[in-house]
C-alpha atoms as a PDB file:
ATOM      1  CA  UNK A   1     -32.963  -9.580  13.211  1.00  0.00           C
ATOM      2  CA  UNK A   2     -32.360  -6.331  11.371  1.00  0.00           C
ATOM      3  CA  UNK A   3     -29.187  -6.125   9.333  1.00  0.00           C
ATOM      4  CA  UNK A   4     -27.584  -3.989   6.686  1.00  0.00           C
ATOM      5  CA  UNK A   5     -27.236  -6.026   3.491  1.00  0.00           C
ATOM      6  CA  UNK A   6     -26.504  -5.689  -0.189  1.00  0.00           C
ATOM      7  CA  UNK A   7     -27.875  -8.016  -2.850  1.00  0.00           C
ATOM      8  CA  UNK A   8     -25.440  -6.933  -5.544  1.00  0.00           C
ATOM      9  CA  UNK A   9     -22.064  -5.233  -5.632  1.00  0.00           C
ATOM     10  CA  UNK A  10     -22.056  -1.516  -6.286  1.00  0.00           C
ATOM     11  CA  UNK A  11     -22.134   1.991  -4.857  1.00  0.00           C
ATOM     12  CA  UNK A  12     -23.354   2.691  -1.311  1.00  0.00           C
ATOM     13  CA  UNK A  13     -26.957   2.906  -2.486  1.00  0.00           C
ATOM     14  CA  UNK A  14     -27.053  -0.902  -2.871  1.00  0.00           C
ATOM     15  CA  UNK A  15     -27.150  -1.083   0.934  1.00  0.00           C
ATOM     16  CA  UNK A  16     -30.510  -1.709   2.590  1.00  0.00           C
ATOM     17  CA  UNK A  17     -31.659  -2.432   6.139  1.00  0.00           C
ATOM     18  CA  UNK A  18     -33.870  -5.522   6.277  1.00  0.00           C
ATOM     19  CA  UNK A  19     -34.629  -8.728   8.147  1.00  0.00           C
ATOM     20  CA  UNK A  20     -31.938 -11.398   7.984  1.00  0.00           C
ATOM     21  CA  UNK A  21     -31.431 -14.838   9.567  1.00  0.00           C
ATOM     22  CA  UNK A  22     -29.903 -14.844  13.047  1.00  0.00           C
ATOM     23  CA  UNK A  23     -26.388 -16.252  13.400  1.00  0.00           C
ATOM     24  CA  UNK A  24     -25.432 -18.441  16.355  1.00  0.00           C
ATOM     25  CA  UNK A  25     -22.213 -18.979  18.270  1.00  0.00           C
ATOM     26  CA  UNK A  26     -20.297 -22.090  17.283  1.00  0.00           C
ATOM     27  CA  UNK A  27     -17.190 -23.642  18.793  1.00  0.00           C
ATOM     28  CA  UNK A  28     -14.605 -21.034  19.727  1.00  0.00           C
ATOM     29  CA  UNK A  29     -16.916 -18.058  19.187  1.00  0.00           C
ATOM     30  CA  UNK A  30     -19.366 -15.796  20.982  1.00  0.00           C
ATOM     31  CA  UNK A  31     -22.465 -14.018  19.765  1.00  0.00           C
ATOM     32  CA  UNK A  32     -23.113 -10.407  20.710  1.00  0.00           C
ATOM     33  CA  UNK A  33     -26.083  -8.093  20.665  1.00  0.00           C
ATOM     34  CA  UNK A  34     -24.392  -5.423  18.588  1.00  0.00           C
ATOM     35  CA  UNK A  35     -24.211  -1.856  19.834  1.00  0.00           C
ATOM     36  CA  UNK A  36     -22.001  -0.401  17.108  1.00  0.00           C
ATOM     37  CA  UNK A  37     -19.693  -1.340  14.231  1.00  0.00           C
ATOM     38  CA  UNK A  38     -17.095   0.535  12.226  1.00  0.00           C
ATOM     39  CA  UNK A  39     -16.794   0.969   8.471  1.00  0.00           C
ATOM     40  CA  UNK A  40     -13.341  -0.121   7.352  1.00  0.00           C
ATOM     41  CA  UNK A  41     -11.668   0.186   3.950  1.00  0.00           C
ATOM     42  CA  UNK A  42     -12.153  -3.533   3.316  1.00  0.00           C
ATOM     43  CA  UNK A  43     -15.916  -3.127   3.844  1.00  0.00           C
ATOM     44  CA  UNK A  44     -16.019  -0.506   1.109  1.00  0.00           C
ATOM     45  CA  UNK A  45     -13.883  -2.578  -1.264  1.00  0.00           C
ATOM     46  CA  UNK A  46     -15.965  -5.720  -0.716  1.00  0.00           C
ATOM     47  CA  UNK A  47     -19.273  -3.916  -1.218  1.00  0.00           C
ATOM     48  CA  UNK A  48     -18.012  -2.301  -4.419  1.00  0.00           C
ATOM     49  CA  UNK A  49     -16.995  -5.712  -5.780  1.00  0.00           C
ATOM     50  CA  UNK A  50     -13.358  -4.733  -6.092  1.00  0.00           C
ATOM     51  CA  UNK A  51     -12.219  -7.839  -4.174  1.00  0.00           C
ATOM     52  CA  UNK A  52     -14.645 -10.297  -5.758  1.00  0.00           C
ATOM     53  CA  UNK A  53     -11.849 -12.216  -7.465  1.00  0.00           C
ATOM     54  CA  UNK A  54     -10.010 -12.772  -4.174  1.00  0.00           C
ATOM     55  CA  UNK A  55     -12.781 -12.701  -1.556  1.00  0.00           C
ATOM     56  CA  UNK A  56     -16.084 -13.604  -3.220  1.00  0.00           C
ATOM     57  CA  UNK A  57     -19.083 -13.176  -0.949  1.00  0.00           C
ATOM     58  CA  UNK A  58     -22.340 -15.082  -0.854  1.00  0.00           C
ATOM     59  CA  UNK A  59     -25.009 -12.493  -1.648  1.00  0.00           C
ATOM     60  CA  UNK A  60     -26.937 -10.958  -0.025  1.00  0.00           C
ATOM     61  CA  UNK A  61     -24.024 -10.025   2.211  1.00  0.00           C
ATOM     62  CA  UNK A  62     -23.869  -8.170   5.507  1.00  0.00           C
ATOM     63  CA  UNK A  63     -21.007  -5.644   5.628  1.00  0.00           C
ATOM     64  CA  UNK A  64     -18.699  -5.228   8.592  1.00  0.00           C
ATOM     65  CA  UNK A  65     -15.535  -6.772   9.968  1.00  0.00           C
ATOM     66  CA  UNK A  66     -15.620  -5.653  13.619  1.00  0.00           C
ATOM     67  CA  UNK A  67     -18.163  -4.733  16.295  1.00  0.00           C
ATOM     68  CA  UNK A  68     -18.840  -4.025  19.949  1.00  0.00           C
ATOM     69  CA  UNK A  69     -21.735  -5.428  21.926  1.00  0.00           C
ATOM     70  CA  UNK A  70     -23.057  -7.522  24.799  1.00  0.00           C
ATOM     71  CA  UNK A  71     -22.359 -11.257  24.826  1.00  0.00           C
ATOM     72  CA  UNK A  72     -25.630 -13.195  24.643  1.00  0.00           C
ATOM     73  CA  UNK A  73     -24.466 -16.623  23.438  1.00  0.00           C
ATOM     74  CA  UNK A  74     -21.242 -18.537  24.104  1.00  0.00           C
ATOM     75  CA  UNK A  75     -20.001 -21.339  21.880  1.00  0.00           C
ATOM     76  CA  UNK A  76     -18.464 -24.630  23.042  1.00  0.00           C
ATOM     77  CA  UNK A  77     -14.880 -24.445  24.208  1.00  0.00           C
ATOM     78  CA  UNK A  78     -14.988 -20.753  25.113  1.00  0.00           C
ATOM     79  CA  UNK A  79     -13.839 -19.824  28.616  1.00  0.00           C
ATOM     80  CA  UNK A  80     -13.137 -16.611  30.477  1.00  0.00           C
ATOM     81  CA  UNK A  81     -16.226 -14.799  29.232  1.00  0.00           C
ATOM     82  CA  UNK A  82     -19.814 -14.631  30.479  1.00  0.00           C
ATOM     83  CA  UNK A  83     -23.179 -13.697  29.049  1.00  0.00           C
ATOM     84  CA  UNK A  84     -23.632  -9.992  29.715  1.00  0.00           C
ATOM     85  CA  UNK A  85     -19.972  -9.032  29.222  1.00  0.00           C
ATOM     86  CA  UNK A  86     -19.349  -6.090  26.905  1.00  0.00           C
ATOM     87  CA  UNK A  87     -16.722  -6.962  24.312  1.00  0.00           C
ATOM     88  CA  UNK A  88     -15.248  -5.634  21.091  1.00  0.00           C
ATOM     89  CA  UNK A  89     -13.795  -7.842  18.437  1.00  0.00           C
ATOM     90  CA  UNK A  90     -13.679  -9.346  14.973  1.00  0.00           C
ATOM     91  CA  UNK A  91     -16.227 -11.354  13.064  1.00  0.00           C
ATOM     92  CA  UNK A  92     -15.818 -12.962   9.669  1.00  0.00           C
ATOM     93  CA  UNK A  93     -14.743 -11.282   6.462  1.00  0.00           C
ATOM     94  CA  UNK A  94     -18.076  -9.487   6.218  1.00  0.00           C
ATOM     95  CA  UNK A  95     -20.939 -10.055   8.689  1.00  0.00           C
ATOM     96  CA  UNK A  96     -21.145  -7.698  11.691  1.00  0.00           C
ATOM     97  CA  UNK A  97     -23.480  -4.814  10.727  1.00  0.00           C
ATOM     98  CA  UNK A  98     -26.558  -6.392  12.250  1.00  0.00           C
ATOM     99  CA  UNK A  99     -28.421  -6.650  15.533  1.00  0.00           C
ATOM    100  CA  UNK A 100     -26.571  -9.913  16.230  1.00  0.00           C
ATOM    101  CA  UNK A 101     -23.044 -10.889  15.201  1.00  0.00           C
ATOM    102  CA  UNK A 102     -20.645 -13.747  15.912  1.00  0.00           C
ATOM    103  CA  UNK A 103     -17.099 -12.882  16.963  1.00  0.00           C
ATOM    104  CA  UNK A 104     -14.147 -15.262  16.788  1.00  0.00           C
ATOM    105  CA  UNK A 105     -11.701 -12.852  18.464  1.00  0.00           C
ATOM    106  CA  UNK A 106     -12.606 -10.442  21.245  1.00  0.00           C
ATOM    107  CA  UNK A 107     -11.630  -8.609  24.391  1.00  0.00           C
ATOM    108  CA  UNK A 108     -13.578  -6.905  27.121  1.00  0.00           C
ATOM    109  CA  UNK A 109     -13.978  -3.164  26.601  1.00  0.00           C
ATOM    110  CA  UNK A 110     -11.931  -0.768  28.751  1.00  0.00           C
ATOM    111  CA  UNK A 111     -14.160   1.376  30.946  1.00  0.00           C
ATOM    112  CA  UNK A 112     -12.462   4.479  29.556  1.00  0.00           C
ATOM    113  CA  UNK A 113     -13.826   3.893  26.041  1.00  0.00           C
ATOM    114  CA  UNK A 114     -17.212   4.927  24.720  1.00  0.00           C
ATOM    115  CA  UNK A 115     -19.281   2.504  22.678  1.00  0.00           C
ATOM    116  CA  UNK A 116     -18.232   4.258  19.467  1.00  0.00           C
ATOM    117  CA  UNK A 117     -14.564   4.131  20.418  1.00  0.00           C
ATOM    118  CA  UNK A 118     -14.799   0.412  21.143  1.00  0.00           C
ATOM    119  CA  UNK A 119     -16.486  -0.130  17.778  1.00  0.00           C
ATOM    120  CA  UNK A 120     -13.545   1.588  16.101  1.00  0.00           C
ATOM    121  CA  UNK A 121     -10.950  -0.526  17.875  1.00  0.00           C
ATOM    122  CA  UNK A 122     -11.166  -4.092  16.581  1.00  0.00           C
ATOM    123  CA  UNK A 123      -9.729  -4.172  13.075  1.00  0.00           C
ATOM    124  CA  UNK A 124      -7.500  -1.133  13.598  1.00  0.00           C
ATOM    125  CA  UNK A 125      -5.900  -2.645  16.694  1.00  0.00           C
ATOM    126  CA  UNK A 126      -5.426  -6.127  15.240  1.00  0.00           C
ATOM    127  CA  UNK A 127      -3.839  -4.683  12.103  1.00  0.00           C
ATOM    128  CA  UNK A 128      -1.573  -2.302  14.004  1.00  0.00           C
ATOM    129  CA  UNK A 129      -0.294  -4.935  16.429  1.00  0.00           C
ATOM    130  CA  UNK A 130       0.317  -7.411  13.600  1.00  0.00           C
ATOM    131  CA  UNK A 131       2.371  -4.770  11.764  1.00  0.00           C
ATOM    132  CA  UNK A 132       4.415  -3.939  14.837  1.00  0.00           C
ATOM    133  CA  UNK A 133       5.168  -7.628  15.361  1.00  0.00           C
ATOM    134  CA  UNK A 134       7.157  -7.510  12.118  1.00  0.00           C
ATOM    135  CA  UNK A 135       9.393  -4.825  13.628  1.00  0.00           C
ATOM    136  CA  UNK A 136       9.978  -6.596  16.939  1.00  0.00           C
ATOM    137  CA  UNK A 137      11.494  -4.895  19.973  1.00  0.00           C
ATOM    138  CA  UNK A 138      10.757  -1.166  19.850  1.00  0.00           C
ATOM    139  CA  UNK A 139      12.595  -0.009  22.947  1.00  0.00           C
ATOM    140  CA  UNK A 140      14.817   2.955  22.081  1.00  0.00           C
ATOM    141  CA  UNK A 141      14.033   2.477  18.369  1.00  0.00           C
ATOM    142  CA  UNK A 142      13.074   5.254  15.961  1.00  0.00           C
ATOM    143  CA  UNK A 143      10.025   4.311  13.897  1.00  0.00           C
ATOM    144  CA  UNK A 144       8.641   6.101  10.840  1.00  0.00           C
ATOM    145  CA  UNK A 145       4.906   5.686  10.251  1.00  0.00           C
ATOM    146  CA  UNK A 146       3.622   6.865   6.881  1.00  0.00           C
ATOM    147  CA  UNK A 147      -0.047   7.653   7.442  1.00  0.00           C
ATOM    148  CA  UNK A 148       0.107   8.001  11.222  1.00  0.00           C
ATOM    149  CA  UNK A 149      -3.136   9.939  11.649  1.00  0.00           C
ATOM    150  CA  UNK A 150      -5.438   7.243  10.243  1.00  0.00           C
ATOM    151  CA  UNK A 151      -7.200   4.619  12.333  1.00  0.00           C
ATOM    152  CA  UNK A 152      -4.528   1.935  11.959  1.00  0.00           C
ATOM    153  CA  UNK A 153      -1.599   4.353  11.840  1.00  0.00           C
ATOM    154  CA  UNK A 154      -2.618   6.177  15.001  1.00  0.00           C
ATOM    155  CA  UNK A 155      -3.123   2.869  16.829  1.00  0.00           C
ATOM    156  CA  UNK A 156       0.334   1.715  15.754  1.00  0.00           C
ATOM    157  CA  UNK A 157       1.809   5.053  16.811  1.00  0.00           C
ATOM    158  CA  UNK A 158       0.253   4.892  20.265  1.00  0.00           C
ATOM    159  CA  UNK A 159       1.336   1.276  20.755  1.00  0.00           C
ATOM    160  CA  UNK A 160       4.895   2.040  19.606  1.00  0.00           C
ATOM    161  CA  UNK A 161       5.239   5.053  21.881  1.00  0.00           C
ATOM    162  CA  UNK A 162       3.996   2.935  24.797  1.00  0.00           C
ATOM    163  CA  UNK A 163       6.646   0.327  23.920  1.00  0.00           C
ATOM    164  CA  UNK A 164       9.424   2.903  24.187  1.00  0.00           C
ATOM    165  CA  UNK A 165       9.919   3.973  20.577  1.00  0.00           C
ATOM    166  CA  UNK A 166      10.465   7.429  19.173  1.00  0.00           C
ATOM    167  CA  UNK A 167       7.808   7.750  16.489  1.00  0.00           C
ATOM    168  CA  UNK A 168       7.885  10.063  13.488  1.00  0.00           C
ATOM    169  CA  UNK A 169       4.497  10.145  11.811  1.00  0.00           C
ATOM    170  CA  UNK A 170       3.257  11.682   8.592  1.00  0.00           C
ATOM    171  CA  UNK A 171      -0.085  13.365   8.211  1.00  0.00           C
ATOM    172  CA  UNK A 172      -1.731  16.505   6.932  1.00  0.00           C
ATOM    173  CA  UNK A 173      -0.898  19.670   8.833  1.00  0.00           C
ATOM    174  CA  UNK A 174      -4.405  19.679  10.302  1.00  0.00           C
ATOM    175  CA  UNK A 175      -3.623  16.360  12.028  1.00  0.00           C
ATOM    176  CA  UNK A 176      -0.325  17.406  13.592  1.00  0.00           C
ATOM    177  CA  UNK A 177      -1.801  18.504  16.918  1.00  0.00           C
ATOM    178  CA  UNK A 178      -3.511  15.115  17.183  1.00  0.00           C
ATOM    179  CA  UNK A 179      -0.254  13.310  16.412  1.00  0.00           C
ATOM    180  CA  UNK A 180       1.577  15.352  19.028  1.00  0.00           C
ATOM    181  CA  UNK A 181      -1.082  14.328  21.569  1.00  0.00           C
ATOM    182  CA  UNK A 182      -0.066  10.714  20.890  1.00  0.00           C
ATOM    183  CA  UNK A 183       3.588  11.511  21.568  1.00  0.00           C
ATOM    184  CA  UNK A 184       4.468  11.480  17.850  1.00  0.00           C
ATOM    185  CA  UNK A 185       6.871  13.817  16.057  1.00  0.00           C
ATOM    186  CA  UNK A 186       4.676  14.956  13.146  1.00  0.00           C
ATOM    187  CA  UNK A 187       5.711  15.797   9.627  1.00  0.00           C
ATOM    188  CA  UNK A 188       3.955  16.125   6.300  1.00  0.00           C
ATOM    189  CA  UNK A 189       3.891  13.482   3.599  1.00  0.00           C
ATOM    190  CA  UNK A 190       4.918  13.866  -0.029  1.00  0.00           C
ATOM    191  CA  UNK A 191       8.078  15.023  -1.831  1.00  0.00           C
ATOM    192  CA  UNK A 192      11.009  15.805   0.446  1.00  0.00           C
ATOM    193  CA  UNK A 193      10.008  13.255   3.105  1.00  0.00           C
ATOM    194  CA  UNK A 194      13.556  11.901   3.446  1.00  0.00           C
ATOM    195  CA  UNK A 195      14.923  15.358   4.200  1.00  0.00           C
ATOM    196  CA  UNK A 196      12.196  16.137   6.705  1.00  0.00           C
ATOM    197  CA  UNK A 197      12.700  12.808   8.489  1.00  0.00           C
ATOM    198  CA  UNK A 198      16.474  13.327   8.567  1.00  0.00           C
ATOM    199  CA  UNK A 199      15.953  16.674  10.286  1.00  0.00           C
ATOM    200  CA  UNK A 200      13.846  14.980  12.962  1.00  0.00           C
ATOM    201  CA  UNK A 201      16.072  11.902  13.297  1.00  0.00           C
ATOM    202  CA  UNK A 202      19.696  12.802  12.457  1.00  0.00           C
ATOM    203  CA  UNK A 203      20.869   9.368  13.630  1.00  0.00           C
ATOM    204  CA  UNK A 204      18.527   7.629  11.214  1.00  0.00           C
ATOM    205  CA  UNK A 205      15.370   5.550  11.346  1.00  0.00           C
ATOM    206  CA  UNK A 206      15.342   1.939  12.545  1.00  0.00           C
ATOM    207  CA  UNK A 207      12.050   0.751  11.054  1.00  0.00           C
ATOM    208  CA  UNK A 208       9.050   1.884   9.078  1.00  0.00           C
ATOM    209  CA  UNK A 209       5.341   1.214   8.752  1.00  0.00           C
ATOM    210  CA  UNK A 210       3.466   2.097   5.564  1.00  0.00           C
ATOM    211  CA  UNK A 211      -0.130   2.731   6.633  1.00  0.00           C
ATOM    212  CA  UNK A 212      -1.408   5.091   3.939  1.00  0.00           C
ATOM    213  CA  UNK A 213      -2.958   4.160   0.569  1.00  0.00           C
ATOM    214  CA  UNK A 214      -0.169   5.893  -1.330  1.00  0.00           C
ATOM    215  CA  UNK A 215       2.735   5.041  -3.629  1.00  0.00           C
ATOM    216  CA  UNK A 216       5.313   5.980  -0.996  1.00  0.00           C
ATOM    217  CA  UNK A 217       6.367   2.487   0.093  1.00  0.00           C
ATOM    218  CA  UNK A 218       9.642   2.689  -1.844  1.00  0.00           C
ATOM    219  CA  UNK A 219      10.409   5.998  -0.126  1.00  0.00           C
ATOM    220  CA  UNK A 220       9.889   4.418   3.301  1.00  0.00           C
ATOM    221  CA  UNK A 221      12.208   1.540   2.393  1.00  0.00           C
ATOM    222  CA  UNK A 222      14.849   4.009   1.173  1.00  0.00           C
ATOM    223  CA  UNK A 223      14.652   6.022   4.395  1.00  0.00           C
ATOM    224  CA  UNK A 224      14.907   2.935   6.623  1.00  0.00           C
ATOM    225  CA  UNK A 225      17.570   1.308   4.442  1.00  0.00           C
ATOM    226  CA  UNK A 226      16.422  -2.260   5.155  1.00  0.00           C
ATOM    227  CA  UNK A 227      13.253  -3.669   3.597  1.00  0.00           C
ATOM    228  CA  UNK A 228      13.061  -6.406   6.248  1.00  0.00           C
ATOM    229  CA  UNK A 229      12.447  -3.638   8.805  1.00  0.00           C
ATOM    230  CA  UNK A 230       9.431  -2.265   6.943  1.00  0.00           C
ATOM    231  CA  UNK A 231       5.823  -3.493   6.961  1.00  0.00           C
ATOM    232  CA  UNK A 232       2.872  -2.298   4.905  1.00  0.00           C
ATOM    233  CA  UNK A 233      -0.861  -2.669   5.323  1.00  0.00           C
ATOM    234  CA  UNK A 234      -1.660  -0.615   2.218  1.00  0.00           C
ATOM    235  CA  UNK A 235       0.505  -1.869  -0.680  1.00  0.00           C
ATOM    236  CA  UNK A 236       0.307  -5.647  -0.998  1.00  0.00           C
ATOM    237  CA  UNK A 237       1.362  -5.465  -4.653  1.00  0.00           C
ATOM    238  CA  UNK A 238       4.462  -3.367  -4.080  1.00  0.00           C
ATOM    239  CA  UNK A 239       5.566  -5.300  -0.995  1.00  0.00           C
ATOM    240  CA  UNK A 240       6.982  -8.438  -2.688  1.00  0.00           C
ATOM    241  CA  UNK A 241       8.761  -6.364  -5.310  1.00  0.00           C
ATOM    242  CA  UNK A 242      10.499  -4.334  -2.617  1.00  0.00           C
ATOM    243  CA  UNK A 243      11.051  -7.173  -0.135  1.00  0.00           C
ATOM    244  CA  UNK A 244       8.628  -5.684   2.388  1.00  0.00           C
ATOM    245  CA  UNK A 245       6.291  -7.677   4.646  1.00  0.00           C
ATOM    246  CA  UNK A 246       2.627  -7.138   3.784  1.00  0.00           C
ATOM    247  CA  UNK A 247       0.416  -7.392   6.866  1.00  0.00           C
ATOM    248  CA  UNK A 248      -3.254  -8.194   7.348  1.00  0.00           C
ATOM    249  CA  UNK A 249      -5.201  -8.402  10.578  1.00  0.00           C
ATOM    250  CA  UNK A 250      -5.790 -11.858  11.988  1.00  0.00           C
ATOM    251  CA  UNK A 251      -8.551 -12.956  14.326  1.00  0.00           C
ATOM    252  CA  UNK A 252      -6.472 -13.319  17.471  1.00  0.00           C
ATOM    253  CA  UNK A 253      -7.940 -12.415  20.848  1.00  0.00           C
ATOM    254  CA  UNK A 254      -4.456 -11.894  22.279  1.00  0.00           C
ATOM    255  CA  UNK A 255      -3.913  -8.940  19.918  1.00  0.00           C
ATOM    256  CA  UNK A 256      -7.163  -7.357  21.056  1.00  0.00           C
ATOM    257  CA  UNK A 257      -6.441  -7.959  24.732  1.00  0.00           C
ATOM    258  CA  UNK A 258      -3.093  -6.214  24.283  1.00  0.00           C
ATOM    259  CA  UNK A 259      -4.833  -3.235  22.684  1.00  0.00           C
ATOM    260  CA  UNK A 260      -7.413  -3.148  25.482  1.00  0.00           C
ATOM    261  CA  UNK A 261      -4.697  -3.183  28.139  1.00  0.00           C
ATOM    262  CA  UNK A 262      -3.089  -0.158  26.487  1.00  0.00           C
ATOM    263  CA  UNK A 263      -6.495   1.511  26.518  1.00  0.00           C
ATOM    264  CA  UNK A 264      -6.933   0.820  30.219  1.00  0.00           C
ATOM    265  CA  UNK A 265      -3.499   2.282  30.911  1.00  0.00           C
ATOM    266  CA  UNK A 266      -4.392   5.446  29.019  1.00  0.00           C
ATOM    267  CA  UNK A 267      -1.974   4.830  26.135  1.00  0.00           C
ATOM    268  CA  UNK A 268      -4.596   4.564  23.396  1.00  0.00           C
ATOM    269  CA  UNK A 269      -8.067   5.895  22.741  1.00  0.00           C
ATOM    270  CA  UNK A 270      -9.531   4.814  19.383  1.00  0.00           C
ATOM    271  CA  UNK A 271     -10.318   7.728  17.116  1.00  0.00           C
ATOM    272  CA  UNK A 272     -13.883   8.300  15.882  1.00  0.00           C
ATOM    273  CA  UNK A 273     -14.585  11.040  13.356  1.00  0.00           C
ATOM    274  CA  UNK A 274     -18.121  10.305  12.082  1.00  0.00           C
ATOM    275  CA  UNK A 275     -21.117   8.507  13.591  1.00  0.00           C
ATOM    276  CA  UNK A 276     -24.226   7.310  11.759  1.00  0.00           C
ATOM    277  CA  UNK A 277     -27.335   5.333  12.680  1.00  0.00           C
ATOM    278  CA  UNK A 278     -27.956   1.930  11.119  1.00  0.00           C
ATOM    279  CA  UNK A 279     -30.744   3.431   9.025  1.00  0.00           C
ATOM    280  CA  UNK A 280     -28.119   5.675   7.436  1.00  0.00           C
ATOM    281  CA  UNK A 281     -25.748   2.867   6.460  1.00  0.00           C
ATOM    282  CA  UNK A 282     -25.487   4.113   2.856  1.00  0.00           C
ATOM    283  CA  UNK A 283     -24.422   7.553   4.080  1.00  0.00           C
ATOM    284  CA  UNK A 284     -21.892   5.920   6.387  1.00  0.00           C
ATOM    285  CA  UNK A 285     -20.290   4.067   3.494  1.00  0.00           C
ATOM    286  CA  UNK A 286     -20.322   7.240   1.414  1.00  0.00           C
ATOM    287  CA  UNK A 287     -18.503   9.057   4.203  1.00  0.00           C
ATOM    288  CA  UNK A 288     -15.957   6.259   4.446  1.00  0.00           C
ATOM    289  CA  UNK A 289     -15.303   6.590   0.720  1.00  0.00           C
ATOM    290  CA  UNK A 290     -15.188  10.348   0.441  1.00  0.00           C
ATOM    291  CA  UNK A 291     -13.810  11.749   3.677  1.00  0.00           C
ATOM    292  CA  UNK A 292     -10.912  11.024   5.952  1.00  0.00           C
ATOM    293  CA  UNK A 293     -11.451   9.705   9.448  1.00  0.00           C
ATOM    294  CA  UNK A 294     -13.012   6.740  11.159  1.00  0.00           C
ATOM    295  CA  UNK A 295     -16.719   6.025  10.578  1.00  0.00           C
ATOM    296  CA  UNK A 296     -18.862   4.239  13.163  1.00  0.00           C
ATOM    297  CA  UNK A 297     -22.433   2.975  12.791  1.00  0.00           C
ATOM    298  CA  UNK A 298     -24.540   2.676  15.937  1.00  0.00           C
ATOM    299  CA  UNK A 299     -27.497   0.335  16.399  1.00  0.00           C
ATOM    300  CA  UNK A 300     -30.654   1.045  18.409  1.00  0.00           C
END
């Protein structure tokens, strides 16, 4: 099979498209003929070698954490899925940007989503739902999301609004119309955030999610007033110091099924900003490093 791989850590130009051994479904997993994958921040960090101390990879490595495709092999113990079903989901730490990939968490794709949108859904949805689980019941709650216009932040915002929360979300002014379309009260990030949030929520904020790679976690905690009601996906080092829960996605099909149900009900459409072909995998990683927005790579 064709796959994107890198034989050494480095800049995007270490990525090549070449033949690689086919994976096969094992117990509790399915194999898909991949239609598209997304490029997530962890893919960039792993390829650059910045996580080698914590998540060493066997090289050559295939990038990619999530994918969408057609089930062509079903492992032992798997029920409720058939060969030919179109699913999106999560693979291993790094292994999905190939013609074939094995998923250990998945859900069928809502008919409303395009292939690219489904490719963008897996890791963003699993991360967003895991973060919201820290907060708990959102009915009638006011939630601040720092970095609400990104892939994970916008998923969390849509899910929270659907659960009955009032959501205040930060983003650049150019993203405010998009945030409003999600039912979010938009504001800008940066100095003066507490004052801007207070103007939008005079009664205060009940919980906060820190979704942006910024040093604003302490500000979110100060605004909420209770570190146990704050979760971060972007500051694992600051979290223990501040008493905040640091969240990572987990391979749990239930999380993805929940996200898909929200998609079917019209509450969430994954955001896609840039699309590239597999042959342009280096350009896709460059775009993920240098521009905002969700990057998707499509396969022939």
